[in-house]
Amino acid sequence: VQPVQSGGGLVQTGGSLRLSCSASGSTFVDYAVGWFRQAPGKEREEIGCISNFDGSVVYADAVKGRFTISSDNAKKTVFLQMDSLKSEDTAVYYCVAGLSISTAQHSLREFQVQPRFGSWGQGTQVTVSS
């Protein structure tokens, strides 16, 4: 499945945005879907992951309590709801989907150490201005 991203844009500090990651013409059943971001001059950073195998969700400490990952009932789209945005959240955001029969935590680690484990979305810019 090839993920297709939508959403993103410019928002003020403290605002909210929602990103979508769609399974173009398919579904994410039996997939784990992770979210990453990369700011200019910085390494790719993990945000979190949802496993449609067991329903588990895991978040990085930097976004825990502010970001929420969820899936629609049809498992066709995964959302990244971002609240209380900060300037340091400015980055290009990517979703990645990979077949998984494991937890979100394990899948996120796989995406991090083996990027080819999944198919990556095209990326979308999120800019948080003060």
Protein backbone atom coordinates (compact mmCIF):
# COMPACT_ATOMS: atom_id res chain seq x y z
CA VAL A 1 0.00 0.00 0.00
CA GLN A 2 1.26 3.49 -0.84
CA PRO A 3 0.39 6.11 1.78
CA VAL A 4 -0.88 9.47 0.55
CA GLN A 5 -0.70 12.39 2.96
CA SER A 6 -2.86 15.48 3.28
CA GLY A 7 -3.20 18.34 5.70
CA GLY A 8 -0.50 20.50 7.17
CA GLY A 9 0.20 24.16 6.62
CA LEU A 10 0.83 27.23 8.74
CA VAL A 11 -0.53 27.67 12.26
CA GLN A 12 0.20 29.92 15.21
CA THR A 13 1.77 28.73 18.43
CA GLY A 14 -0.80 26.97 20.55
CA GLY A 15 -2.95 26.10 17.57
CA SER A 16 -3.98 22.75 16.12
CA LEU A 17 -3.60 20.88 12.87
CA ARG A 18 -4.64 17.45 11.65
CA LEU A 19 -2.67 15.39 9.18
CA SER A 20 -4.12 12.47 7.27
CA CYS A 21 -2.41 9.42 5.83
CA SER A 22 -4.58 7.44 3.42
CA ALA A 23 -4.08 3.95 2.04
CA SER A 24 -4.52 4.91 -1.60
CA GLY A 25 -7.07 2.47 -3.04
CA SER A 26 -6.54 -0.02 -0.22
CA THR A 27 -6.71 -0.27 3.55
CA PHE A 28 -4.32 -0.36 6.47
CA VAL A 29 -5.76 -3.58 7.85
CA ASP A 30 -2.84 -5.62 9.27
CA TYR A 31 -0.56 -2.60 8.93
CA ALA A 32 1.24 -0.44 11.41
CA VAL A 33 1.34 3.24 10.51
CA GLY A 34 4.03 5.45 11.96
CA TRP A 35 4.61 9.18 11.93
CA PHE A 36 7.99 10.90 11.72
CA ARG A 37 9.16 14.45 11.17
CA GLN A 38 12.32 16.11 9.99
CA ALA A 39 13.26 19.71 10.63
CA PRO A 40 15.88 21.52 8.53
CA GLY A 41 19.38 20.47 9.54
CA LYS A 42 18.12 17.83 11.92
CA GLU A 43 17.77 14.07 11.82
CA ARG A 44 14.45 12.37 11.28
CA GLU A 45 12.55 12.15 14.57
CA GLU A 46 9.92 9.62 15.53
CA ILE A 47 6.52 10.88 16.62
CA GLY A 48 4.47 7.75 17.19
CA CYS A 49 2.77 4.76 15.70
CA ILE A 50 -0.51 2.88 15.63
CA SER A 51 -0.81 -0.85 15.10
CA ASN A 52 -4.02 -1.97 13.41
CA PHE A 53 -3.06 -5.51 14.40
CA ASP A 54 -3.65 -5.03 18.12
CA GLY A 55 -4.88 -1.44 18.30
CA SER A 56 -1.93 -0.23 20.35
CA VAL A 57 -0.58 3.29 20.01
CA VAL A 58 2.74 4.69 21.16
CA TYR A 59 4.09 8.25 21.28
CA ALA A 60 7.48 9.90 21.60
CA ASP A 61 7.99 11.86 24.80
CA ALA A 62 8.28 15.13 22.86
CA VAL A 63 4.65 14.93 21.69
CA LYS A 64 2.98 12.83 24.36
CA GLY A 65 -0.17 14.55 25.63
CA ARG A 66 -0.29 16.96 22.68
CA PHE A 67 -0.50 14.67 19.64
CA THR A 68 -3.03 11.90 19.02
CA ILE A 69 -2.83 9.13 16.44
CA SER A 70 -6.05 7.41 15.41
CA SER A 71 -7.54 5.35 12.62
CA ASP A 72 -10.93 5.53 10.98
CA ASN A 73 -13.26 2.55 11.37
CA ALA A 74 -12.60 1.33 7.84
CA LYS A 75 -8.82 1.36 8.45
CA LYS A 76 -8.39 3.44 5.29
CA THR A 77 -6.99 6.55 6.91
CA VAL A 78 -4.78 7.28 9.89
CA PHE A 79 -4.87 10.71 11.47
CA LEU A 80 -2.30 12.70 13.39
CA GLN A 81 -4.09 15.31 15.51
CA MET A 82 -1.65 17.92 16.73
CA ASP A 83 -2.68 20.28 19.51
CA SER A 84 -0.84 22.92 21.56
CA LEU A 85 1.66 23.30 18.75
CA LYS A 86 5.05 24.83 19.45
CA SER A 87 7.59 26.45 17.16
CA GLU A 88 9.83 23.42 17.61
CA ASP A 89 7.13 21.28 15.97
CA THR A 90 7.94 22.96 12.65
CA ALA A 91 9.10 20.24 10.26
CA VAL A 92 8.16 18.09 7.31
CA TYR A 93 5.94 15.29 8.56
CA TYR A 94 5.91 11.81 7.08
CA CYS A 95 3.71 8.79 7.57
CA VAL A 96 4.98 5.29 6.89
CA ALA A 97 3.01 2.05 6.62
CA GLY A 98 4.28 -1.48 6.94
CA LEU A 99 2.69 -4.92 7.29
CA SER A 100 2.87 -5.79 10.95
CA ILE A 101 1.67 -8.44 13.36
CA SER A 102 3.21 -6.70 16.31
CA THR A 103 2.69 -3.85 18.72
CA ALA A 104 2.96 -0.19 17.84
CA GLN A 105 6.13 0.14 19.91
CA HIS A 106 7.87 -2.69 18.08
CA SER A 107 6.67 -1.44 14.69
CA LEU A 108 7.90 2.09 15.39
CA ARG A 109 11.34 0.72 16.21
CA GLU A 110 11.33 -1.26 12.97
CA PHE A 111 10.47 1.87 10.97
CA GLN A 112 13.34 3.69 12.69
CA VAL A 113 16.06 1.09 12.18
CA GLN A 114 14.82 -0.30 8.88
CA PRO A 115 13.12 2.47 6.89
CA ARG A 116 12.51 0.04 4.03
CA PHE A 117 10.26 -1.92 6.37
CA GLY A 118 7.49 0.38 5.25
CA SER A 119 6.24 2.55 2.41
CA TRP A 120 6.61 6.28 3.05
CA GLY A 121 4.19 9.07 2.27
CA GLN A 122 5.25 12.11 0.28
CA GLY A 123 5.67 14.35 3.32
CA THR A 124 3.82 17.50 4.28
CA GLN A 125 5.10 20.77 5.73
CA VAL A 126 3.94 21.98 9.13
CA THR A 127 5.02 25.46 10.15
CA VAL A 128 4.26 26.86 13.59
CA SER A 129 4.76 30.60 13.91
CA SER A 130 5.03 32.59 17.11
